[in-house]
Amino acid sequence: MKQLGNLAVVCAKHPEARMQIYEGIVTVHVGKKPQQVQISMNWDDDNTICDVIHELNFGRYAGKEKIHR
């Protein structure tokens, strides 16, 4: 739960990311269809949320431009 706000900020700054929260599940949609990827996790799973934040900032979903903190 501590990292959920950080994920929201990263998604807000990412040009191709959208975050959705519904019934305790956070889903991050990255990219454009038909290659769009959906990543789902529990809203309080800080370890997975940190991994997704890292991938959005520096990893496979960072895109052409790296997002700086």
PDB file of N, CA and C in Angstrom:
ATOM      1  N   MET A   1       0.817  -1.193   0.000  1.00  0.00           N
ATOM      2  CA  MET A   1       0.000   0.000   0.000  1.00  0.00           C
ATOM      3  C   MET A   1       0.861   1.258   0.000  1.00  0.00           C
ATOM      4  N   LYS A   2       2.037   1.172   0.546  1.00  0.00           N
ATOM      5  CA  LYS A   2       2.903   2.336   0.632  1.00  0.00           C
ATOM      6  C   LYS A   2       3.350   2.812  -0.742  1.00  0.00           C
ATOM      7  N   GLN A   3       3.466   1.911  -1.709  1.00  0.00           N
ATOM      8  CA  GLN A   3       3.988   2.250  -3.026  1.00  0.00           C
ATOM      9  C   GLN A   3       2.908   2.612  -4.043  1.00  0.00           C
ATOM     10  N   LEU A   4       1.652   2.476  -3.692  1.00  0.00           N
ATOM     11  CA  LEU A   4       0.562   2.731  -4.626  1.00  0.00           C
ATOM     12  C   LEU A   4       0.577   4.167  -5.144  1.00  0.00           C
ATOM     13  N   GLY A   5       0.851   5.127  -4.281  1.00  0.00           N
ATOM     14  CA  GLY A   5       0.946   6.525  -4.695  1.00  0.00           C
ATOM     15  C   GLY A   5       2.098   6.766  -5.652  1.00  0.00           C
ATOM     16  N   ASN A   6       3.220   6.101  -5.388  1.00  0.00           N
ATOM     17  CA  ASN A   6       4.371   6.228  -6.289  1.00  0.00           C
ATOM     18  C   ASN A   6       4.038   5.673  -7.670  1.00  0.00           C
ATOM     19  N   LEU A   7       3.323   4.552  -7.706  1.00  0.00           N
ATOM     20  CA  LEU A   7       2.909   3.987  -8.988  1.00  0.00           C
ATOM     21  C   LEU A   7       1.992   4.948  -9.731  1.00  0.00           C
ATOM     22  N   ALA A   8       1.096   5.593  -9.015  1.00  0.00           N
ATOM     23  CA  ALA A   8       0.190   6.555  -9.644  1.00  0.00           C
ATOM     24  C   ALA A   8       0.962   7.713 -10.273  1.00  0.00           C
ATOM     25  N   VAL A   9       1.971   8.200  -9.587  1.00  0.00           N
ATOM     26  CA  VAL A   9       2.781   9.297 -10.117  1.00  0.00           C
ATOM     27  C   VAL A   9       3.543   8.854 -11.359  1.00  0.00           C
ATOM     28  N   VAL A  10       4.138   7.668 -11.315  1.00  0.00           N
ATOM     29  CA  VAL A  10       4.892   7.160 -12.460  1.00  0.00           C
ATOM     30  C   VAL A  10       3.961   6.981 -13.664  1.00  0.00           C
ATOM     31  N   CYS A  11       2.782   6.425 -13.434  1.00  0.00           N
ATOM     32  CA  CYS A  11       1.826   6.236 -14.534  1.00  0.00           C
ATOM     33  C   CYS A  11       1.357   7.575 -15.102  1.00  0.00           C
ATOM     34  N   ALA A  12       1.186   8.560 -14.246  1.00  0.00           N
ATOM     35  CA  ALA A  12       0.745   9.881 -14.714  1.00  0.00           C
ATOM     36  C   ALA A  12       1.792  10.535 -15.609  1.00  0.00           C
ATOM     37  N   LYS A  13       3.058  10.256 -15.358  1.00  0.00           N
ATOM     38  CA  LYS A  13       4.131  10.850 -16.152  1.00  0.00           C
ATOM     39  C   LYS A  13       4.508  10.021 -17.379  1.00  0.00           C
ATOM     40  N   HIS A  14       4.090   8.772 -17.395  1.00  0.00           N
ATOM     41  CA  HIS A  14       4.467   7.869 -18.492  1.00  0.00           C
ATOM     42  C   HIS A  14       3.550   8.123 -19.691  1.00  0.00           C
ATOM     43  N   PRO A  15       4.106   8.286 -20.875  1.00  0.00           N
ATOM     44  CA  PRO A  15       3.287   8.642 -22.037  1.00  0.00           C
ATOM     45  C   PRO A  15       2.323   7.550 -22.502  1.00  0.00           C
ATOM     46  N   GLU A  16       2.574   6.298 -22.151  1.00  0.00           N
ATOM     47  CA  GLU A  16       1.705   5.219 -22.635  1.00  0.00           C
ATOM     48  C   GLU A  16       1.192   4.323 -21.510  1.00  0.00           C
ATOM     49  N   ALA A  17       1.073   4.844 -20.296  1.00  0.00           N
ATOM     50  CA  ALA A  17       0.596   4.035 -19.176  1.00  0.00           C
ATOM     51  C   ALA A  17      -0.706   4.592 -18.620  1.00  0.00           C
ATOM     52  N   ARG A  18      -1.557   3.667 -18.211  1.00  0.00           N
ATOM     53  CA  ARG A  18      -2.826   4.033 -17.577  1.00  0.00           C
ATOM     54  C   ARG A  18      -3.016   3.085 -16.405  1.00  0.00           C
ATOM     55  N   MET A  19      -3.415   3.611 -15.252  1.00  0.00           N
ATOM     56  CA  MET A  19      -3.599   2.812 -14.057  1.00  0.00           C
ATOM     57  C   MET A  19      -5.065   2.788 -13.669  1.00  0.00           C
ATOM     58  N   GLN A  20      -5.543   1.618 -13.264  1.00  0.00           N
ATOM     59  CA  GLN A  20      -6.930   1.443 -12.865  1.00  0.00           C
ATOM     60  C   GLN A  20      -6.952   0.656 -11.556  1.00  0.00           C
ATOM     61  N   ILE A  21      -7.812   1.061 -10.626  1.00  0.00           N
ATOM     62  CA  ILE A  21      -7.985   0.330  -9.372  1.00  0.00           C
ATOM     63  C   ILE A  21      -9.452  -0.054  -9.263  1.00  0.00           C
ATOM     64  N   TYR A  22      -9.694  -1.358  -9.054  1.00  0.00           N
ATOM     65  CA  TYR A  22     -11.066  -1.843  -8.949  1.00  0.00           C
ATOM     66  C   TYR A  22     -11.076  -3.076  -8.059  1.00  0.00           C
ATOM     67  N   GLU A  23     -11.873  -3.036  -7.019  1.00  0.00           N
ATOM     68  CA  GLU A  23     -12.052  -4.149  -6.084  1.00  0.00           C
ATOM     69  C   GLU A  23     -10.727  -4.701  -5.558  1.00  0.00           C
ATOM     70  N   GLY A  24      -9.826  -3.799  -5.180  1.00  0.00           N
ATOM     71  CA  GLY A  24      -8.575  -4.203  -4.567  1.00  0.00           C
ATOM     72  C   GLY A  24      -7.491  -4.662  -5.530  1.00  0.00           C
ATOM     73  N   ILE A  25      -7.757  -4.579  -6.824  1.00  0.00           N
ATOM     74  CA  ILE A  25      -6.781  -4.975  -7.835  1.00  0.00           C
ATOM     75  C   ILE A  25      -6.350  -3.739  -8.618  1.00  0.00           C
ATOM     76  N   VAL A  26      -5.054  -3.553  -8.739  1.00  0.00           N
ATOM     77  CA  VAL A  26      -4.498  -2.464  -9.539  1.00  0.00           C
ATOM     78  C   VAL A  26      -4.076  -3.059 -10.883  1.00  0.00           C
ATOM     79  N   THR A  27      -4.522  -2.426 -11.951  1.00  0.00           N
ATOM     80  CA  THR A  27      -4.110  -2.862 -13.282  1.00  0.00           C
ATOM     81  C   THR A  27      -3.451  -1.695 -13.981  1.00  0.00           C
ATOM     82  N   VAL A  28      -2.262  -1.938 -14.510  1.00  0.00           N
ATOM     83  CA  VAL A  28      -1.543  -0.943 -15.288  1.00  0.00           C
ATOM     84  C   VAL A  28      -1.571  -1.405 -16.742  1.00  0.00           C
ATOM     85  N   HIS A  29      -2.063  -0.549 -17.610  1.00  0.00           N
ATOM     86  CA  HIS A  29      -2.103  -0.807 -19.047  1.00  0.00           C
ATOM     87  C   HIS A  29      -0.967  -0.013 -19.670  1.00  0.00           C
ATOM     88  N   VAL A  30      -0.095  -0.677 -20.417  1.00  0.00           N
ATOM     89  CA  VAL A  30       1.059  -0.015 -21.014  1.00  0.00           C
ATOM     90  C   VAL A  30       1.072  -0.282 -22.515  1.00  0.00           C
ATOM     91  N   GLY A  31       1.265   0.772 -23.284  1.00  0.00           N
ATOM     92  CA  GLY A  31       1.369   0.636 -24.727  1.00  0.00           C
ATOM     93  C   GLY A  31       0.040   0.881 -25.417  1.00  0.00           C
ATOM     94  N   LYS A  32       0.086   0.651 -26.707  1.00  0.00           N
ATOM     95  CA  LYS A  32      -1.099   0.845 -27.545  1.00  0.00           C
ATOM     96  C   LYS A  32      -1.511  -0.498 -28.125  1.00  0.00           C
ATOM     97  N   LYS A  33      -2.803  -0.649 -28.332  1.00  0.00           N
ATOM     98  CA  LYS A  33      -3.307  -1.894 -28.919  1.00  0.00           C
ATOM     99  C   LYS A  33      -2.765  -2.047 -30.321  1.00  0.00           C
ATOM    100  N   PRO A  34      -2.487  -3.203 -30.798  1.00  0.00           N
ATOM    101  CA  PRO A  34      -2.752  -4.528 -30.223  1.00  0.00           C
ATOM    102  C   PRO A  34      -1.617  -5.044 -29.344  1.00  0.00           C
ATOM    103  N   GLN A  35      -0.528  -4.296 -29.186  1.00  0.00           N
ATOM    104  CA  GLN A  35       0.591  -4.752 -28.362  1.00  0.00           C
ATOM    105  C   GLN A  35       0.465  -4.341 -26.894  1.00  0.00           C
ATOM    106  N   GLN A  36      -0.656  -3.782 -26.494  1.00  0.00           N
ATOM    107  CA  GLN A  36      -0.829  -3.304 -25.129  1.00  0.00           C
ATOM    108  C   GLN A  36      -0.651  -4.441 -24.121  1.00  0.00           C
ATOM    109  N   VAL A  37       0.043  -4.141 -23.036  1.00  0.00           N
ATOM    110  CA  VAL A  37       0.292  -5.101 -21.966  1.00  0.00           C
ATOM    111  C   VAL A  37      -0.508  -4.675 -20.748  1.00  0.00           C
ATOM    112  N   GLN A  38      -1.087  -5.641 -20.047  1.00  0.00           N
ATOM    113  CA  GLN A  38      -1.793  -5.372 -18.800  1.00  0.00           C
ATOM    114  C   GLN A  38      -1.077  -6.088 -17.674  1.00  0.00           C
ATOM    115  N   ILE A  39      -0.785  -5.346 -16.619  1.00  0.00           N
ATOM    116  CA  ILE A  39      -0.112  -5.904 -15.453  1.00  0.00           C
ATOM    117  C   ILE A  39      -1.050  -5.702 -14.267  1.00  0.00           C
ATOM    118  N   SER A  40      -1.434  -6.780 -13.611  1.00  0.00           N
ATOM    119  CA  SER A  40      -2.358  -6.696 -12.481  1.00  0.00           C
ATOM    120  C   SER A  40      -1.695  -7.182 -11.209  1.00  0.00           C
ATOM    121  N   MET A  41      -2.071  -6.553 -10.088  1.00  0.00           N
ATOM    122  CA  MET A  41      -1.532  -6.924  -8.786  1.00  0.00           C
ATOM    123  C   MET A  41      -2.502  -6.464  -7.704  1.00  0.00           C
ATOM    124  N   ASN A  42      -2.368  -7.002  -6.521  1.00  0.00           N
ATOM    125  CA  ASN A  42      -3.156  -6.529  -5.391  1.00  0.00           C
ATOM    126  C   ASN A  42      -2.709  -5.117  -5.018  1.00  0.00           C
ATOM    127  N   TRP A  43      -3.631  -4.302  -4.579  1.00  0.00           N
ATOM    128  CA  TRP A  43      -3.330  -2.899  -4.277  1.00  0.00           C
ATOM    129  C   TRP A  43      -2.318  -2.743  -3.151  1.00  0.00           C
ATOM    130  N   ASP A  44      -2.144  -3.762  -2.306  1.00  0.00           N
ATOM    131  CA  ASP A  44      -1.218  -3.657  -1.182  1.00  0.00           C
ATOM    132  C   ASP A  44       0.041  -4.517  -1.356  1.00  0.00           C
ATOM    133  N   ASP A  45       0.317  -4.968  -2.566  1.00  0.00           N
ATOM    134  CA  ASP A  45       1.506  -5.782  -2.859  1.00  0.00           C
ATOM    135  C   ASP A  45       2.673  -4.864  -3.224  1.00  0.00           C
ATOM    136  N   ASP A  46       3.311  -4.316  -2.202  1.00  0.00           N
ATOM    137  CA  ASP A  46       4.371  -3.328  -2.415  1.00  0.00           C
ATOM    138  C   ASP A  46       5.540  -3.861  -3.231  1.00  0.00           C
ATOM    139  N   ASN A  47       5.895  -5.124  -3.056  1.00  0.00           N
ATOM    140  CA  ASN A  47       7.030  -5.676  -3.800  1.00  0.00           C
ATOM    141  C   ASN A  47       6.758  -5.694  -5.296  1.00  0.00           C
ATOM    142  N   THR A  48       5.590  -6.173  -5.690  1.00  0.00           N
ATOM    143  CA  THR A  48       5.246  -6.201  -7.114  1.00  0.00           C
ATOM    144  C   THR A  48       5.090  -4.794  -7.656  1.00  0.00           C
ATOM    145  N   ILE A  49       4.495  -3.908  -6.889  1.00  0.00           N
ATOM    146  CA  ILE A  49       4.334  -2.522  -7.334  1.00  0.00           C
ATOM    147  C   ILE A  49       5.698  -1.881  -7.568  1.00  0.00           C
ATOM    148  N   CYS A  50       6.655  -2.128  -6.688  1.00  0.00           N
ATOM    149  CA  CYS A  50       8.019  -1.598  -6.876  1.00  0.00           C
ATOM    150  C   CYS A  50       8.643  -2.152  -8.152  1.00  0.00           C
ATOM    151  N   ASP A  51       8.410  -3.431  -8.429  1.00  0.00           N
ATOM    152  CA  ASP A  51       8.932  -4.028  -9.661  1.00  0.00           C
ATOM    153  C   ASP A  51       8.326  -3.362 -10.897  1.00  0.00           C
ATOM    154  N   VAL A  52       7.041  -3.091 -10.858  1.00  0.00           N
ATOM    155  CA  VAL A  52       6.365  -2.441 -11.995  1.00  0.00           C
ATOM    156  C   VAL A  52       6.877  -1.014 -12.162  1.00  0.00           C
ATOM    157  N   ILE A  53       7.045  -0.303 -11.065  1.00  0.00           N
ATOM    158  CA  ILE A  53       7.597   1.060 -11.124  1.00  0.00           C
ATOM    159  C   ILE A  53       8.971   1.033 -11.795  1.00  0.00           C
ATOM    160  N   HIS A  54       9.798   0.084 -11.405  1.00  0.00           N
ATOM    161  CA  HIS A  54      11.136  -0.023 -12.003  1.00  0.00           C
ATOM    162  C   HIS A  54      11.045  -0.291 -13.507  1.00  0.00           C
ATOM    163  N   GLU A  55      10.175  -1.197 -13.909  1.00  0.00           N
ATOM    164  CA  GLU A  55      10.027  -1.518 -15.336  1.00  0.00           C
ATOM    165  C   GLU A  55       9.495  -0.324 -16.127  1.00  0.00           C
ATOM    166  N   LEU A  56       8.600   0.452 -15.538  1.00  0.00           N
ATOM    167  CA  LEU A  56       8.079   1.642 -16.225  1.00  0.00           C
ATOM    168  C   LEU A  56       9.139   2.728 -16.353  1.00  0.00           C
ATOM    169  N   ASN A  57       9.976   2.854 -15.344  1.00  0.00           N
ATOM    170  CA  ASN A  57      11.003   3.901 -15.361  1.00  0.00           C
ATOM    171  C   ASN A  57      12.242   3.512 -16.158  1.00  0.00           C
ATOM    172  N   PHE A  58      12.716   2.285 -15.989  1.00  0.00           N
ATOM    173  CA  PHE A  58      14.026   1.922 -16.522  1.00  0.00           C
ATOM    174  C   PHE A  58      14.040   0.636 -17.339  1.00  0.00           C
ATOM    175  N   GLY A  59      13.010  -0.151 -17.276  1.00  0.00           N
ATOM    176  CA  GLY A  59      13.022  -1.480 -17.871  1.00  0.00           C
ATOM    177  C   GLY A  59      12.291  -1.582 -19.191  1.00  0.00           C
ATOM    178  N   ARG A  60      11.667  -2.716 -19.388  1.00  0.00           N
ATOM    179  CA  ARG A  60      11.059  -3.057 -20.684  1.00  0.00           C
ATOM    180  C   ARG A  60       9.914  -2.154 -21.100  1.00  0.00           C
ATOM    181  N   TYR A  61       9.300  -1.416 -20.153  1.00  0.00           N
ATOM    182  CA  TYR A  61       8.187  -0.535 -20.510  1.00  0.00           C
ATOM    183  C   TYR A  61       8.570   0.941 -20.495  1.00  0.00           C
ATOM    184  N   ALA A  62       9.853   1.230 -20.396  1.00  0.00           N
ATOM    185  CA  ALA A  62      10.307   2.618 -20.322  1.00  0.00           C
ATOM    186  C   ALA A  62      10.131   3.354 -21.638  1.00  0.00           C
ATOM    187  N   GLY A  63      10.089   2.623 -22.737  1.00  0.00           N
ATOM    188  CA  GLY A  63       9.931   3.265 -24.027  1.00  0.00           C
ATOM    189  C   GLY A  63      11.213   3.906 -24.499  1.00  0.00           C
ATOM    190  N   LYS A  64      11.071   4.809 -25.457  1.00  0.00           N
ATOM    191  CA  LYS A  64      12.236   5.448 -26.046  1.00  0.00           C
ATOM    192  C   LYS A  64      12.887   6.427 -25.111  1.00  0.00           C
ATOM    193  N   GLU A  65      12.044   7.166 -24.366  1.00  0.00           N
ATOM    194  CA  GLU A  65      12.571   8.151 -23.434  1.00  0.00           C
ATOM    195  C   GLU A  65      12.510   7.582 -22.030  1.00  0.00           C
ATOM    196  N   LYS A  66      13.611   7.659 -21.312  1.00  0.00           N
ATOM    197  CA  LYS A  66      13.646   7.205 -19.945  1.00  0.00           C
ATOM    198  C   LYS A  66      12.961   8.243 -19.056  1.00  0.00           C
ATOM    199  N   ILE A  67      12.197   7.794 -18.088  1.00  0.00           N
ATOM    200  CA  ILE A  67      11.511   8.679 -17.170  1.00  0.00           C
ATOM    201  C   ILE A  67      12.451   8.961 -16.008  1.00  0.00           C
ATOM    202  N   HIS A  68      12.656  10.224 -15.693  1.00  0.00           N
ATOM    203  CA  HIS A  68      13.557  10.602 -14.603  1.00  0.00           C
ATOM    204  C   HIS A  68      12.755  10.970 -13.371  1.00  0.00           C
ATOM    205  N   ARG A  69      13.286  10.647 -12.234  1.00  0.00           N
ATOM    206  CA  ARG A  69      12.612  10.964 -10.971  1.00  0.00           C
ATOM    207  C   ARG A  69      12.956  12.341 -10.533  1.00  0.00           C
TER     208      ARG A  69
END
